[in-house]
Amino acid sequence: MDGTKKSNLTTLCYLERDGKYLMMHRVKKAHDINHDKWVGVGGHFEPDESPEECLLREVKEETGVTLTRWRLRGIITFESDAWQTEYMFLYTADRWDGEIAGRDACDEGTLAWVEKALVKELPIWEGDKIFFALMEKENRPVFSLKLRYVGERLVEKVLDGKTL
């Protein structure tokens, strides 16, 4: 994007293979709200993009592959006292064309395949544990999840309009 403020609309995708997720350890960017956290791949919408256009562009930029099969899993609203509210379209993908770029190819972090069972032991956002449980344990269809943070502390969780 040019010098304008980034969109508060984002995508995040977890590529799946052999019981693992492709994750990014965010260690390369200065002033990164996700610094040292493990997340999927994705990013901010560019002007006039649909969620799918953003998803495909961001995955290609960060991994080098072109998705051929993906699934919308949820819409996450992140509210915080430290940053603007963000609306994230959460996806998983299990088919793509091309080879995943080397672990250090992305300028935002290091890519690594992580066993699904081990993800919750990594430094991830507390709210991410909730959406991983919804995707994995419950295999829930598309959900809406609102997560409110004070600093890095999760203080409110609302799933499909109901407080957890």
Protein backbone atom coordinates (compact mmCIF):
# COMPACT_ATOMS: atom_id res chain seq x y z
CA MET A 1 0.00 0.00 0.00
CA ASP A 2 1.07 3.60 -0.38
CA GLY A 3 1.60 5.88 2.62
CA THR A 4 -2.05 5.71 3.68
CA LYS A 5 -3.22 4.01 6.84
CA LYS A 6 -3.46 0.22 6.56
CA SER A 7 -6.89 -1.32 6.23
CA ASN A 8 -8.35 -2.88 9.37
CA LEU A 9 -9.54 -5.79 7.20
CA THR A 10 -7.15 -8.76 7.07
CA THR A 11 -6.89 -12.40 6.09
CA LEU A 12 -5.04 -15.18 7.87
CA CYS A 13 -4.49 -18.66 6.47
CA TYR A 14 -3.13 -21.88 7.89
CA LEU A 15 -1.87 -24.20 5.17
CA GLU A 16 -2.37 -27.83 6.21
CA ARG A 17 -0.26 -30.88 5.33
CA ASP A 18 0.40 -34.19 7.09
CA GLY A 19 -1.18 -33.13 10.39
CA LYS A 20 0.76 -29.86 10.45
CA TYR A 21 0.10 -26.17 9.89
CA LEU A 22 2.47 -23.85 8.05
CA MET A 23 3.12 -21.07 10.53
CA MET A 24 5.19 -17.93 10.63
CA HIS A 25 7.32 -16.96 13.61
CA ARG A 26 7.09 -13.16 13.48
CA VAL A 27 10.63 -12.07 14.28
CA LYS A 28 11.79 -9.83 11.41
CA LYS A 29 9.78 -6.58 11.44
CA ALA A 30 10.40 -3.69 13.82
CA HIS A 31 7.33 -2.50 15.76
CA ASP A 32 5.36 -5.66 14.87
CA ILE A 33 2.26 -6.12 17.03
CA ASN A 34 2.80 -9.87 16.52
CA HIS A 35 6.52 -9.80 17.38
CA ASP A 36 7.75 -13.23 18.54
CA LYS A 37 4.27 -14.74 18.11
CA TRP A 38 3.50 -17.69 15.83
CA VAL A 39 0.71 -16.96 13.35
CA GLY A 40 -0.52 -18.10 9.95
CA VAL A 41 0.22 -16.27 6.73
CA GLY A 42 -1.81 -13.33 5.53
CA GLY A 43 -2.16 -9.60 5.83
CA HIS A 44 -4.10 -6.44 5.16
CA PHE A 45 -6.54 -5.92 2.31
CA GLU A 46 -5.48 -3.60 -0.47
CA PRO A 47 -8.08 -1.14 -1.85
CA ASP A 48 -11.10 -2.84 -3.44
CA GLU A 49 -9.90 -6.40 -2.74
CA SER A 50 -12.32 -9.14 -1.76
CA PRO A 51 -11.32 -11.45 1.11
CA GLU A 52 -10.38 -14.16 -1.40
CA GLU A 53 -8.25 -11.80 -3.50
CA CYS A 54 -6.41 -10.68 -0.37
CA LEU A 55 -5.97 -14.29 0.77
CA LEU A 56 -4.51 -15.43 -2.56
CA ARG A 57 -2.21 -12.40 -2.89
CA GLU A 58 -0.90 -12.57 0.68
CA VAL A 59 -0.30 -16.34 0.61
CA LYS A 60 1.56 -15.99 -2.71
CA GLU A 61 3.67 -13.09 -1.38
CA GLU A 62 4.61 -14.84 1.87
CA THR A 63 4.97 -18.47 0.75
CA GLY A 64 5.44 -18.45 -3.03
CA VAL A 65 2.50 -20.82 -3.65
CA THR A 66 -0.87 -20.32 -5.35
CA LEU A 67 -3.77 -21.78 -3.37
CA THR A 68 -6.08 -24.11 -5.30
CA ARG A 69 -8.37 -25.19 -2.42
CA TRP A 70 -9.20 -23.20 0.69
CA ARG A 71 -12.02 -22.87 3.17
CA LEU A 72 -13.34 -19.88 5.11
CA ARG A 73 -13.36 -20.94 8.76
CA GLY A 74 -14.39 -17.81 10.61
CA ILE A 75 -14.51 -14.07 10.94
CA ILE A 76 -12.59 -12.78 13.94
CA THR A 77 -13.05 -9.32 15.42
CA PHE A 78 -10.03 -8.17 17.44
CA GLU A 79 -10.69 -5.23 19.73
CA SER A 80 -7.89 -3.72 21.78
CA ASP A 81 -6.89 -0.72 23.82
CA ALA A 82 -3.56 -0.72 21.94
CA TRP A 83 -4.54 -0.83 18.24
CA GLN A 84 -7.49 -0.20 15.93
CA THR A 85 -10.20 -2.86 15.76
CA GLU A 86 -9.32 -5.49 13.17
CA TYR A 87 -11.68 -7.77 11.24
CA MET A 88 -9.91 -10.93 10.11
CA PHE A 89 -11.12 -13.56 7.66
CA LEU A 90 -9.67 -16.87 8.86
CA TYR A 91 -8.95 -19.62 6.31
CA THR A 92 -7.39 -23.03 6.06
CA ALA A 93 -6.00 -24.42 2.81
CA ASP A 94 -4.92 -27.92 1.85
CA ARG A 95 -4.06 -27.65 -1.84
CA TRP A 96 -1.74 -25.34 -3.74
CA ASP A 97 0.49 -25.11 -6.78
CA GLY A 98 4.20 -24.50 -6.40
CA GLU A 99 6.73 -25.12 -3.67
CA ILE A 100 6.67 -23.42 -0.28
CA ALA A 101 9.43 -20.81 -0.15
CA GLY A 102 12.41 -21.44 2.11
CA ARG A 103 11.88 -20.79 5.78
CA ASP A 104 13.64 -17.40 5.60
CA ALA A 105 12.16 -16.23 2.27
CA CYS A 106 9.52 -13.98 3.88
CA ASP A 107 10.54 -10.56 5.20
CA GLU A 108 8.04 -10.73 8.08
CA GLY A 109 9.13 -13.92 9.80
CA THR A 110 10.38 -17.48 9.54
CA LEU A 111 8.13 -20.16 8.04
CA ALA A 112 7.91 -23.60 9.68
CA TRP A 113 5.62 -26.64 9.62
CA VAL A 114 4.23 -27.23 13.12
CA GLU A 115 2.40 -30.33 14.37
CA LYS A 116 -1.21 -29.29 15.04
CA ALA A 117 -1.05 -30.81 18.54
CA LEU A 118 1.94 -28.59 19.42
CA VAL A 119 0.58 -25.24 18.22
CA LYS A 120 -0.96 -24.32 21.59
CA GLU A 121 2.46 -24.69 23.25
CA LEU A 122 4.01 -22.00 21.05
CA PRO A 123 3.86 -18.29 21.91
CA ILE A 124 0.51 -17.51 20.27
CA TRP A 125 -2.22 -15.04 21.18
CA GLU A 126 -4.61 -16.37 23.85
CA GLY A 127 -7.57 -15.89 21.51
CA ASP A 128 -5.87 -17.95 18.80
CA LYS A 129 -6.18 -20.97 21.11
CA ILE A 130 -9.96 -20.51 20.94
CA PHE A 131 -10.17 -20.47 17.15
CA PHE A 132 -7.78 -23.42 16.87
CA ALA A 133 -10.10 -25.40 19.17
CA LEU A 134 -13.11 -24.38 17.06
CA MET A 135 -11.35 -25.49 13.87
CA GLU A 136 -9.73 -28.66 15.20
CA LYS A 137 -11.68 -30.15 18.09
CA GLU A 138 -15.12 -28.99 17.06
CA ASN A 139 -14.55 -28.83 13.27
CA ARG A 140 -17.07 -26.05 13.42
CA PRO A 141 -18.55 -24.52 10.29
CA VAL A 142 -17.96 -20.81 9.77
CA PHE A 143 -18.06 -18.93 13.07
CA SER A 144 -17.87 -15.35 14.27
CA LEU A 145 -15.54 -14.72 17.19
CA LYS A 146 -14.93 -11.42 18.95
CA LEU A 147 -11.80 -11.16 21.08
CA ARG A 148 -11.15 -8.08 23.23
CA TYR A 149 -7.69 -7.43 24.60
CA VAL A 150 -6.25 -5.06 27.17
CA GLY A 151 -2.59 -5.04 26.28
CA GLU A 152 -1.86 -8.71 25.55
CA ARG A 153 -4.47 -9.94 28.04
CA LEU A 154 -7.67 -11.43 26.63
CA VAL A 155 -10.56 -9.94 28.63
CA GLU A 156 -13.64 -10.81 26.56
CA LYS A 157 -14.61 -13.67 24.23
CA VAL A 158 -17.85 -13.71 22.26
CA LEU A 159 -18.68 -16.63 19.93
CA ASP A 160 -21.54 -16.21 17.46
CA GLY A 161 -22.96 -13.40 19.61
CA LYS A 162 -22.75 -15.27 22.94
CA THR A 163 -20.23 -14.50 25.67
CA LEU A 164 -17.95 -17.41 26.52
